[in-house]
Amino acid sequence: MPRVIFHKNGQTFEDEIKTGSNLVVRAGIKQFPYPHLSYECGMGKCARCACEVLAGAEHLPPPNWKEKKQLGDRLEQGYRLACQLWLEHDIELRQEPTA
């Protein structure tokens, strides 16, 4: 089971999730890391779920066209859309507070 470490607002949240889980789906059904993960559409259209990948990026698939369109240069800075990631391995993410 993948271990997720999630940083937001100076706090760190840690938990294990079922292999193949998506954090936005889990947040939507009130599971980890609810209510801390910011998200909106869940379909890669709004980029509200953008997170910086601090560890585990080597296990993620290449960015899809939605991530390329929404994140642009932020991809090179290590950002990904949480709604587009189905996690198979440990990951550490940081999400900036939203206004």
PDB file of N, CA and C in Angstrom:
ATOM      1  N   MET A   1       0.853  -1.190   0.000  1.00  0.00           N
ATOM      2  CA  MET A   1       0.000   0.000   0.000  1.00  0.00           C
ATOM      3  C   MET A   1       0.892   1.245   0.000  1.00  0.00           C
ATOM      4  N   PRO A   2       0.645   2.153  -0.952  1.00  0.00           N
ATOM      5  CA  PRO A   2       1.454   3.369  -1.019  1.00  0.00           C
ATOM      6  C   PRO A   2       1.253   4.266   0.203  1.00  0.00           C
ATOM      7  N   ARG A   3       2.351   4.857   0.643  1.00  0.00           N
ATOM      8  CA  ARG A   3       2.324   5.823   1.729  1.00  0.00           C
ATOM      9  C   ARG A   3       2.332   7.206   1.101  1.00  0.00           C
ATOM     10  N   VAL A   4       1.400   8.055   1.542  1.00  0.00           N
ATOM     11  CA  VAL A   4       1.310   9.423   1.054  1.00  0.00           C
ATOM     12  C   VAL A   4       1.695  10.360   2.181  1.00  0.00           C
ATOM     13  N   ILE A   5       2.639  11.249   1.884  1.00  0.00           N
ATOM     14  CA  ILE A   5       2.992  12.339   2.795  1.00  0.00           C
ATOM     15  C   ILE A   5       2.553  13.613   2.085  1.00  0.00           C
ATOM     16  N   PHE A   6       1.708  14.388   2.734  1.00  0.00           N
ATOM     17  CA  PHE A   6       1.082  15.561   2.126  1.00  0.00           C
ATOM     18  C   PHE A   6       1.326  16.776   3.005  1.00  0.00           C
ATOM     19  N   HIS A   7       1.933  17.821   2.430  1.00  0.00           N
ATOM     20  CA  HIS A   7       2.250  19.053   3.157  1.00  0.00           C
ATOM     21  C   HIS A   7       1.340  20.181   2.676  1.00  0.00           C
ATOM     22  N   LYS A   8       0.757  20.893   3.643  1.00  0.00           N
ATOM     23  CA  LYS A   8      -0.064  22.058   3.310  1.00  0.00           C
ATOM     24  C   LYS A   8      -0.204  22.936   4.538  1.00  0.00           C
ATOM     25  N   ASN A   9      -0.098  24.234   4.330  1.00  0.00           N
ATOM     26  CA  ASN A   9      -0.271  25.214   5.409  1.00  0.00           C
ATOM     27  C   ASN A   9       0.638  24.931   6.602  1.00  0.00           C
ATOM     28  N   GLY A  10       1.869  24.492   6.340  1.00  0.00           N
ATOM     29  CA  GLY A  10       2.812  24.230   7.417  1.00  0.00           C
ATOM     30  C   GLY A  10       2.542  22.953   8.196  1.00  0.00           C
ATOM     31  N   GLN A  11       1.563  22.175   7.773  1.00  0.00           N
ATOM     32  CA  GLN A  11       1.239  20.920   8.442  1.00  0.00           C
ATOM     33  C   GLN A  11       1.585  19.749   7.520  1.00  0.00           C
ATOM     34  N   THR A  12       1.823  18.595   8.123  1.00  0.00           N
ATOM     35  CA  THR A  12       2.115  17.385   7.360  1.00  0.00           C
ATOM     36  C   THR A  12       1.100  16.319   7.733  1.00  0.00           C
ATOM     37  N   PHE A  13       0.516  15.704   6.721  1.00  0.00           N
ATOM     38  CA  PHE A  13      -0.465  14.640   6.890  1.00  0.00           C
ATOM     39  C   PHE A  13       0.119  13.393   6.242  1.00  0.00           C
ATOM     40  N   GLU A  14      -0.008  12.274   6.908  1.00  0.00           N
ATOM     41  CA  GLU A  14       0.596  11.044   6.421  1.00  0.00           C
ATOM     42  C   GLU A  14      -0.394   9.900   6.568  1.00  0.00           C
ATOM     43  N   ASP A  15      -0.465   9.043   5.554  1.00  0.00           N
ATOM     44  CA  ASP A  15      -1.361   7.901   5.624  1.00  0.00           C
ATOM     45  C   ASP A  15      -0.994   6.918   4.523  1.00  0.00           C
ATOM     46  N   GLU A  16      -1.491   5.704   4.633  1.00  0.00           N
ATOM     47  CA  GLU A  16      -1.376   4.714   3.570  1.00  0.00           C
ATOM     48  C   GLU A  16      -2.697   4.682   2.826  1.00  0.00           C
ATOM     49  N   ILE A  17      -2.603   4.446   1.524  1.00  0.00           N
ATOM     50  CA  ILE A  17      -3.809   4.352   0.705  1.00  0.00           C
ATOM     51  C   ILE A  17      -3.784   3.045  -0.065  1.00  0.00           C
ATOM     52  N   LYS A  18      -4.911   2.648  -0.528  1.00  0.00           N
ATOM     53  CA  LYS A  18      -5.022   1.433  -1.340  1.00  0.00           C
ATOM     54  C   LYS A  18      -4.297   1.656  -2.675  1.00  0.00           C
ATOM     55  N   THR A  19      -3.555   0.663  -3.125  1.00  0.00           N
ATOM     56  CA  THR A  19      -2.852   0.751  -4.399  1.00  0.00           C
ATOM     57  C   THR A  19      -3.838   1.077  -5.518  1.00  0.00           C
ATOM     58  N   GLY A  20      -3.458   2.012  -6.376  1.00  0.00           N
ATOM     59  CA  GLY A  20      -4.321   2.422  -7.475  1.00  0.00           C
ATOM     60  C   GLY A  20      -5.301   3.522  -7.119  1.00  0.00           C
ATOM     61  N   SER A  21      -5.144   4.115  -5.925  1.00  0.00           N
ATOM     62  CA  SER A  21      -6.058   5.177  -5.494  1.00  0.00           C
ATOM     63  C   SER A  21      -5.712   6.519  -6.130  1.00  0.00           C
ATOM     64  N   ASN A  22      -6.711   7.361  -6.215  1.00  0.00           N
ATOM     65  CA  ASN A  22      -6.571   8.733  -6.681  1.00  0.00           C
ATOM     66  C   ASN A  22      -6.939   9.631  -5.503  1.00  0.00           C
ATOM     67  N   LEU A  23      -6.070  10.583  -5.157  1.00  0.00           N
ATOM     68  CA  LEU A  23      -6.303  11.406  -3.965  1.00  0.00           C
ATOM     69  C   LEU A  23      -7.534  12.294  -4.077  1.00  0.00           C
ATOM     70  N   VAL A  24      -7.848  12.783  -5.272  1.00  0.00           N
ATOM     71  CA  VAL A  24      -9.034  13.631  -5.436  1.00  0.00           C
ATOM     72  C   VAL A  24     -10.304  12.799  -5.242  1.00  0.00           C
ATOM     73  N   VAL A  25     -10.311  11.584  -5.771  1.00  0.00           N
ATOM     74  CA  VAL A  25     -11.462  10.698  -5.562  1.00  0.00           C
ATOM     75  C   VAL A  25     -11.626  10.421  -4.068  1.00  0.00           C
ATOM     76  N   ARG A  26     -10.519  10.108  -3.388  1.00  0.00           N
ATOM     77  CA  ARG A  26     -10.583   9.822  -1.948  1.00  0.00           C
ATOM     78  C   ARG A  26     -11.045  11.050  -1.171  1.00  0.00           C
ATOM     79  N   ALA A  27     -10.574  12.226  -1.560  1.00  0.00           N
ATOM     80  CA  ALA A  27     -11.012  13.453  -0.884  1.00  0.00           C
ATOM     81  C   ALA A  27     -12.513  13.658  -1.089  1.00  0.00           C
ATOM     82  N   GLY A  28     -12.990  13.372  -2.290  1.00  0.00           N
ATOM     83  CA  GLY A  28     -14.408  13.537  -2.596  1.00  0.00           C
ATOM     84  C   GLY A  28     -15.314  12.625  -1.801  1.00  0.00           C
ATOM     85  N   ILE A  29     -14.795  11.468  -1.381  1.00  0.00           N
ATOM     86  CA  ILE A  29     -15.612  10.559  -0.569  1.00  0.00           C
ATOM     87  C   ILE A  29     -15.210  10.634   0.905  1.00  0.00           C
ATOM     88  N   LYS A  30     -14.578  11.765   1.252  1.00  0.00           N
ATOM     89  CA  LYS A  30     -14.238  12.102   2.639  1.00  0.00           C
ATOM     90  C   LYS A  30     -13.204  11.162   3.251  1.00  0.00           C
ATOM     91  N   GLN A  31     -12.221  10.739   2.441  1.00  0.00           N
ATOM     92  CA  GLN A  31     -11.116   9.938   2.936  1.00  0.00           C
ATOM     93  C   GLN A  31      -9.822  10.725   2.721  1.00  0.00           C
ATOM     94  N   PHE A  32      -8.697  10.189   3.222  1.00  0.00           N
ATOM     95  CA  PHE A  32      -7.419  10.901   3.168  1.00  0.00           C
ATOM     96  C   PHE A  32      -7.220  11.575   1.843  1.00  0.00           C
ATOM     97  N   PRO A  33      -6.696  12.798   1.774  1.00  0.00           N
ATOM     98  CA  PRO A  33      -6.367  13.691   2.868  1.00  0.00           C
ATOM     99  C   PRO A  33      -7.446  14.729   3.129  1.00  0.00           C
ATOM    100  N   TYR A  34      -8.694  14.363   2.963  1.00  0.00           N
ATOM    101  CA  TYR A  34      -9.797  15.276   3.233  1.00  0.00           C
ATOM    102  C   TYR A  34      -9.699  15.826   4.645  1.00  0.00           C
ATOM    103  N   PRO A  35      -9.926  17.087   4.876  1.00  0.00           N
ATOM    104  CA  PRO A  35     -10.347  18.142   3.955  1.00  0.00           C
ATOM    105  C   PRO A  35      -9.183  19.006   3.480  1.00  0.00           C
ATOM    106  N   HIS A  36      -7.966  18.502   3.534  1.00  0.00           N
ATOM    107  CA  HIS A  36      -6.796  19.338   3.296  1.00  0.00           C
ATOM    108  C   HIS A  36      -6.436  19.529   1.829  1.00  0.00           C
ATOM    109  N   LEU A  37      -6.718  18.582   0.969  1.00  0.00           N
ATOM    110  CA  LEU A  37      -6.399  18.695  -0.445  1.00  0.00           C
ATOM    111  C   LEU A  37      -7.407  19.608  -1.132  1.00  0.00           C
ATOM    112  N   SER A  38      -6.900  20.644  -1.791  1.00  0.00           N
ATOM    113  CA  SER A  38      -7.779  21.516  -2.572  1.00  0.00           C
ATOM    114  C   SER A  38      -8.003  20.885  -3.939  1.00  0.00           C
ATOM    115  N   TYR A  39      -9.240  20.860  -4.377  1.00  0.00           N
ATOM    116  CA  TYR A  39      -9.586  20.324  -5.690  1.00  0.00           C
ATOM    117  C   TYR A  39     -10.933  20.906  -6.073  1.00  0.00           C
ATOM    118  N   GLU A  40     -11.303  20.739  -7.337  1.00  0.00           N
ATOM    119  CA  GLU A  40     -12.602  21.231  -7.772  1.00  0.00           C
ATOM    120  C   GLU A  40     -13.242  20.288  -8.768  1.00  0.00           C
ATOM    121  N   CYS A  41     -12.767  20.281 -10.012  1.00  0.00           N
ATOM    122  CA  CYS A  41     -13.473  19.522 -11.047  1.00  0.00           C
ATOM    123  C   CYS A  41     -13.142  18.028 -11.047  1.00  0.00           C
ATOM    124  N   GLY A  42     -11.922  17.656 -10.686  1.00  0.00           N
ATOM    125  CA  GLY A  42     -11.521  16.258 -10.699  1.00  0.00           C
ATOM    126  C   GLY A  42     -11.283  15.692 -12.088  1.00  0.00           C
ATOM    127  N   MET A  43     -11.256  16.566 -13.109  1.00  0.00           N
ATOM    128  CA  MET A  43     -11.116  16.089 -14.486  1.00  0.00           C
ATOM    129  C   MET A  43      -9.941  16.731 -15.222  1.00  0.00           C
ATOM    130  N   GLY A  44      -9.060  17.435 -14.503  1.00  0.00           N
ATOM    131  CA  GLY A  44      -7.911  18.051 -15.152  1.00  0.00           C
ATOM    132  C   GLY A  44      -8.210  19.337 -15.881  1.00  0.00           C
ATOM    133  N   LYS A  45      -9.352  19.963 -15.593  1.00  0.00           N
ATOM    134  CA  LYS A  45      -9.740  21.188 -16.299  1.00  0.00           C
ATOM    135  C   LYS A  45      -9.428  22.470 -15.522  1.00  0.00           C
ATOM    136  N   CYS A  46      -9.326  22.393 -14.189  1.00  0.00           N
ATOM    137  CA  CYS A  46      -9.202  23.624 -13.394  1.00  0.00           C
ATOM    138  C   CYS A  46      -7.822  23.819 -12.757  1.00  0.00           C
ATOM    139  N   ALA A  47      -7.065  22.762 -12.565  1.00  0.00           N
ATOM    140  CA  ALA A  47      -5.722  22.788 -11.958  1.00  0.00           C
ATOM    141  C   ALA A  47      -5.736  23.185 -10.481  1.00  0.00           C
ATOM    142  N   ARG A  48      -6.876  23.170  -9.845  1.00  0.00           N
ATOM    143  CA  ARG A  48      -6.937  23.517  -8.423  1.00  0.00           C
ATOM    144  C   ARG A  48      -6.216  22.476  -7.560  1.00  0.00           C
ATOM    145  N   CYS A  49      -6.091  21.251  -8.039  1.00  0.00           N
ATOM    146  CA  CYS A  49      -5.449  20.180  -7.281  1.00  0.00           C
ATOM    147  C   CYS A  49      -3.945  20.082  -7.541  1.00  0.00           C
ATOM    148  N   ALA A  50      -3.366  21.073  -8.217  1.00  0.00           N
ATOM    149  CA  ALA A  50      -1.931  21.038  -8.536  1.00  0.00           C
ATOM    150  C   ALA A  50      -1.111  20.913  -7.258  1.00  0.00           C
ATOM    151  N   CYS A  51      -0.152  19.995  -7.289  1.00  0.00           N
ATOM    152  CA  CYS A  51       0.737  19.734  -6.160  1.00  0.00           C
ATOM    153  C   CYS A  51       2.168  19.620  -6.664  1.00  0.00           C
ATOM    154  N   GLU A  52       3.104  20.053  -5.845  1.00  0.00           N
ATOM    155  CA  GLU A  52       4.511  19.845  -6.139  1.00  0.00           C
ATOM    156  C   GLU A  52       4.886  18.457  -5.626  1.00  0.00           C
ATOM    157  N   VAL A  53       5.494  17.653  -6.471  1.00  0.00           N
ATOM    158  CA  VAL A  53       5.924  16.313  -6.080  1.00  0.00           C
ATOM    159  C   VAL A  53       7.322  16.436  -5.487  1.00  0.00           C
ATOM    160  N   LEU A  54       7.435  16.153  -4.183  1.00  0.00           N
ATOM    161  CA  LEU A  54       8.713  16.261  -3.483  1.00  0.00           C
ATOM    162  C   LEU A  54       9.501  14.960  -3.535  1.00  0.00           C
ATOM    163  N   ALA A  55       8.825  13.829  -3.597  1.00  0.00           N
ATOM    164  CA  ALA A  55       9.471  12.521  -3.675  1.00  0.00           C
ATOM    165  C   ALA A  55       8.515  11.547  -4.350  1.00  0.00           C
ATOM    166  N   GLY A  56       9.068  10.633  -5.130  1.00  0.00           N
ATOM    167  CA  GLY A  56       8.262   9.608  -5.786  1.00  0.00           C
ATOM    168  C   GLY A  56       7.907   9.900  -7.224  1.00  0.00           C
ATOM    169  N   ALA A  57       8.380  11.015  -7.775  1.00  0.00           N
ATOM    170  CA  ALA A  57       8.038  11.383  -9.154  1.00  0.00           C
ATOM    171  C   ALA A  57       8.502  10.335 -10.161  1.00  0.00           C
ATOM    172  N   GLU A  58       9.589   9.630  -9.822  1.00  0.00           N
ATOM    173  CA  GLU A  58      10.130   8.637 -10.753  1.00  0.00           C
ATOM    174  C   GLU A  58       9.170   7.469 -10.976  1.00  0.00           C
ATOM    175  N   HIS A  59       8.189   7.308 -10.111  1.00  0.00           N
ATOM    176  CA  HIS A  59       7.229   6.214 -10.247  1.00  0.00           C
ATOM    177  C   HIS A  59       5.937   6.637 -10.944  1.00  0.00           C
ATOM    178  N   LEU A  60       5.817   7.919 -11.256  1.00  0.00           N
ATOM    179  CA  LEU A  60       4.594   8.414 -11.886  1.00  0.00           C
ATOM    180  C   LEU A  60       4.686   8.281 -13.403  1.00  0.00           C
ATOM    181  N   PRO A  61       3.546   8.098 -14.058  1.00  0.00           N
ATOM    182  CA  PRO A  61       3.551   8.079 -15.522  1.00  0.00           C
ATOM    183  C   PRO A  61       3.877   9.481 -16.038  1.00  0.00           C
ATOM    184  N   PRO A  62       4.276   9.592 -17.296  1.00  0.00           N
ATOM    185  CA  PRO A  62       4.523  10.926 -17.860  1.00  0.00           C
ATOM    186  C   PRO A  62       3.248  11.766 -17.800  1.00  0.00           C
ATOM    187  N   PRO A  63       3.391  13.080 -17.722  1.00  0.00           N
ATOM    188  CA  PRO A  63       2.206  13.954 -17.711  1.00  0.00           C
ATOM    189  C   PRO A  63       1.352  13.740 -18.956  1.00  0.00           C
ATOM    190  N   ASN A  64       0.038  13.725 -18.754  1.00  0.00           N
ATOM    191  CA  ASN A  64      -0.868  13.588 -19.893  1.00  0.00           C
ATOM    192  C   ASN A  64      -1.156  14.967 -20.501  1.00  0.00           C
ATOM    193  N   TRP A  65      -1.949  15.002 -21.547  1.00  0.00           N
ATOM    194  CA  TRP A  65      -2.210  16.263 -22.244  1.00  0.00           C
ATOM    195  C   TRP A  65      -2.922  17.286 -21.362  1.00  0.00           C
ATOM    196  N   LYS A  66      -3.750  16.817 -20.427  1.00  0.00           N
ATOM    197  CA  LYS A  66      -4.447  17.741 -19.530  1.00  0.00           C
ATOM    198  C   LYS A  66      -3.451  18.444 -18.616  1.00  0.00           C
ATOM    199  N   GLU A  67      -2.505  17.670 -18.071  1.00  0.00           N
ATOM    200  CA  GLU A  67      -1.491  18.266 -17.205  1.00  0.00           C
ATOM    201  C   GLU A  67      -0.603  19.230 -17.991  1.00  0.00           C
ATOM    202  N   LYS A  68      -0.242  18.860 -19.206  1.00  0.00           N
ATOM    203  CA  LYS A  68       0.590  19.739 -20.035  1.00  0.00           C
ATOM    204  C   LYS A  68      -0.126  21.055 -20.305  1.00  0.00           C
ATOM    205  N   LYS A  69      -1.413  20.972 -20.609  1.00  0.00           N
ATOM    206  CA  LYS A  69      -2.202  22.171 -20.908  1.00  0.00           C
ATOM    207  C   LYS A  69      -2.365  23.046 -19.661  1.00  0.00           C
ATOM    208  N   GLN A  70      -2.714  22.450 -18.516  1.00  0.00           N
ATOM    209  CA  GLN A  70      -3.000  23.219 -17.308  1.00  0.00           C
ATOM    210  C   GLN A  70      -1.752  23.712 -16.576  1.00  0.00           C
ATOM    211  N   LEU A  71      -0.687  22.927 -16.583  1.00  0.00           N
ATOM    212  CA  LEU A  71       0.483  23.261 -15.782  1.00  0.00           C
ATOM    213  C   LEU A  71       1.605  23.939 -16.564  1.00  0.00           C
ATOM    214  N   GLY A  72       1.711  23.674 -17.842  1.00  0.00           N
ATOM    215  CA  GLY A  72       2.744  24.311 -18.665  1.00  0.00           C
ATOM    216  C   GLY A  72       4.135  24.189 -18.038  1.00  0.00           C
ATOM    217  N   ASP A  73       4.780  25.328 -17.822  1.00  0.00           N
ATOM    218  CA  ASP A  73       6.140  25.364 -17.263  1.00  0.00           C
ATOM    219  C   ASP A  73       6.214  24.818 -15.845  1.00  0.00           C
ATOM    220  N   ARG A  74       5.116  24.787 -15.131  1.00  0.00           N
ATOM    221  CA  ARG A  74       5.136  24.262 -13.757  1.00  0.00           C
ATOM    222  C   ARG A  74       5.477  22.760 -13.737  1.00  0.00           C
ATOM    223  N   LEU A  75       5.251  22.061 -14.837  1.00  0.00           N
ATOM    224  CA  LEU A  75       5.639  20.652 -14.918  1.00  0.00           C
ATOM    225  C   LEU A  75       7.140  20.508 -14.680  1.00  0.00           C
ATOM    226  N   GLU A  76       7.923  21.403 -15.269  1.00  0.00           N
ATOM    227  CA  GLU A  76       9.379  21.370 -15.101  1.00  0.00           C
ATOM    228  C   GLU A  76       9.795  21.675 -13.665  1.00  0.00           C
ATOM    229  N   GLN A  77       8.933  22.318 -12.921  1.00  0.00           N
ATOM    230  CA  GLN A  77       9.204  22.641 -11.515  1.00  0.00           C
ATOM    231  C   GLN A  77       8.731  21.521 -10.592  1.00  0.00           C
ATOM    232  N   GLY A  78       8.212  20.431 -11.161  1.00  0.00           N
ATOM    233  CA  GLY A  78       7.820  19.276 -10.368  1.00  0.00           C
ATOM    234  C   GLY A  78       6.356  19.215  -9.980  1.00  0.00           C
ATOM    235  N   TYR A  79       5.509  20.016 -10.615  1.00  0.00           N
ATOM    236  CA  TYR A  79       4.080  20.010 -10.292  1.00  0.00           C
ATOM    237  C   TYR A  79       3.332  18.984 -11.137  1.00  0.00           C
ATOM    238  N   ARG A  80       2.301  18.418 -10.527  1.00  0.00           N
ATOM    239  CA  ARG A  80       1.389  17.497 -11.215  1.00  0.00           C
ATOM    240  C   ARG A  80      -0.029  17.762 -10.719  1.00  0.00           C
ATOM    241  N   LEU A  81      -1.014  17.310 -11.481  1.00  0.00           N
ATOM    242  CA  LEU A  81      -2.416  17.416 -11.067  1.00  0.00           C
ATOM    243  C   LEU A  81      -2.780  16.143 -10.309  1.00  0.00           C
ATOM    244  N   ALA A  82      -3.152  16.274  -9.049  1.00  0.00           N
ATOM    245  CA  ALA A  82      -3.495  15.109  -8.227  1.00  0.00           C
ATOM    246  C   ALA A  82      -4.651  14.311  -8.830  1.00  0.00           C
ATOM    247  N   CYS A  83      -5.566  14.984  -9.508  1.00  0.00           N
ATOM    248  CA  CYS A  83      -6.725  14.279 -10.079  1.00  0.00           C
ATOM    249  C   CYS A  83      -6.340  13.360 -11.229  1.00  0.00           C
ATOM    250  N   GLN A  84      -5.158  13.525 -11.764  1.00  0.00           N
ATOM    251  CA  GLN A  84      -4.724  12.717 -12.901  1.00  0.00           C
ATOM    252  C   GLN A  84      -3.780  11.587 -12.498  1.00  0.00           C
ATOM    253  N   LEU A  85      -3.532  11.439 -11.200  1.00  0.00           N
ATOM    254  CA  LEU A  85      -2.569  10.450 -10.724  1.00  0.00           C
ATOM    255  C   LEU A  85      -3.253   9.326  -9.957  1.00  0.00           C
ATOM    256  N   TRP A  86      -3.072   8.108 -10.435  1.00  0.00           N
ATOM    257  CA  TRP A  86      -3.545   6.904  -9.756  1.00  0.00           C
ATOM    258  C   TRP A  86      -2.298   6.280  -9.149  1.00  0.00           C
ATOM    259  N   LEU A  87      -2.179   6.329  -7.833  1.00  0.00           N
ATOM    260  CA  LEU A  87      -0.928   6.047  -7.142  1.00  0.00           C
ATOM    261  C   LEU A  87      -0.677   4.562  -6.917  1.00  0.00           C
ATOM    262  N   GLU A  88       0.507   4.142  -7.296  1.00  0.00           N
ATOM    263  CA  GLU A  88       0.951   2.763  -7.139  1.00  0.00           C
ATOM    264  C   GLU A  88       2.133   2.662  -6.171  1.00  0.00           C
ATOM    265  N   HIS A  89       2.788   3.802  -5.894  1.00  0.00           N
ATOM    266  CA  HIS A  89       4.002   3.837  -5.076  1.00  0.00           C
ATOM    267  C   HIS A  89       3.923   4.992  -4.078  1.00  0.00           C
ATOM    268  N   ASP A  90       4.833   4.974  -3.099  1.00  0.00           N
ATOM    269  CA  ASP A  90       4.913   6.064  -2.122  1.00  0.00           C
ATOM    270  C   ASP A  90       5.126   7.391  -2.841  1.00  0.00           C
ATOM    271  N   ILE A  91       4.565   8.457  -2.246  1.00  0.00           N
ATOM    272  CA  ILE A  91       4.706   9.786  -2.834  1.00  0.00           C
ATOM    273  C   ILE A  91       4.673  10.831  -1.723  1.00  0.00           C
ATOM    274  N   GLU A  92       5.369  11.926  -1.952  1.00  0.00           N
ATOM    275  CA  GLU A  92       5.338  13.067  -1.037  1.00  0.00           C
ATOM    276  C   GLU A  92       4.981  14.288  -1.863  1.00  0.00           C
ATOM    277  N   LEU A  93       3.949  14.989  -1.422  1.00  0.00           N
ATOM    278  CA  LEU A  93       3.409  16.131  -2.164  1.00  0.00           C
ATOM    279  C   LEU A  93       3.306  17.364  -1.272  1.00  0.00           C
ATOM    280  N   ARG A  94       3.385  18.530  -1.919  1.00  0.00           N
ATOM    281  CA  ARG A  94       3.111  19.777  -1.207  1.00  0.00           C
ATOM    282  C   ARG A  94       2.143  20.569  -2.073  1.00  0.00           C
ATOM    283  N   GLN A  95       1.114  21.118  -1.410  1.00  0.00           N
ATOM    284  CA  GLN A  95       0.148  21.955  -2.102  1.00  0.00           C
ATOM    285  C   GLN A  95       0.140  23.333  -1.474  1.00  0.00           C
ATOM    286  N   GLU A  96       0.268  24.342  -2.302  1.00  0.00           N
ATOM    287  CA  GLU A  96       0.244  25.722  -1.837  1.00  0.00           C
ATOM    288  C   GLU A  96      -1.178  26.061  -1.385  1.00  0.00           C
ATOM    289  N   PRO A  97      -1.283  26.881  -0.347  1.00  0.00           N
ATOM    290  CA  PRO A  97      -2.627  27.309   0.075  1.00  0.00           C
ATOM    291  C   PRO A  97      -3.314  28.066  -1.060  1.00  0.00           C
ATOM    292  N   THR A  98      -4.617  27.864  -1.183  1.00  0.00           N
ATOM    293  CA  THR A  98      -5.377  28.585  -2.202  1.00  0.00           C
ATOM    294  C   THR A  98      -5.999  29.815  -1.582  1.00  0.00           C
ATOM    295  N   ALA A  99      -6.167  30.817  -2.390  1.00  0.00           N
ATOM    296  CA  ALA A  99      -6.728  32.089  -1.900  1.00  0.00           C
ATOM    297  C   ALA A  99      -8.220  31.989  -1.707  1.00  0.00           C
TER     298      ALA A  99
END
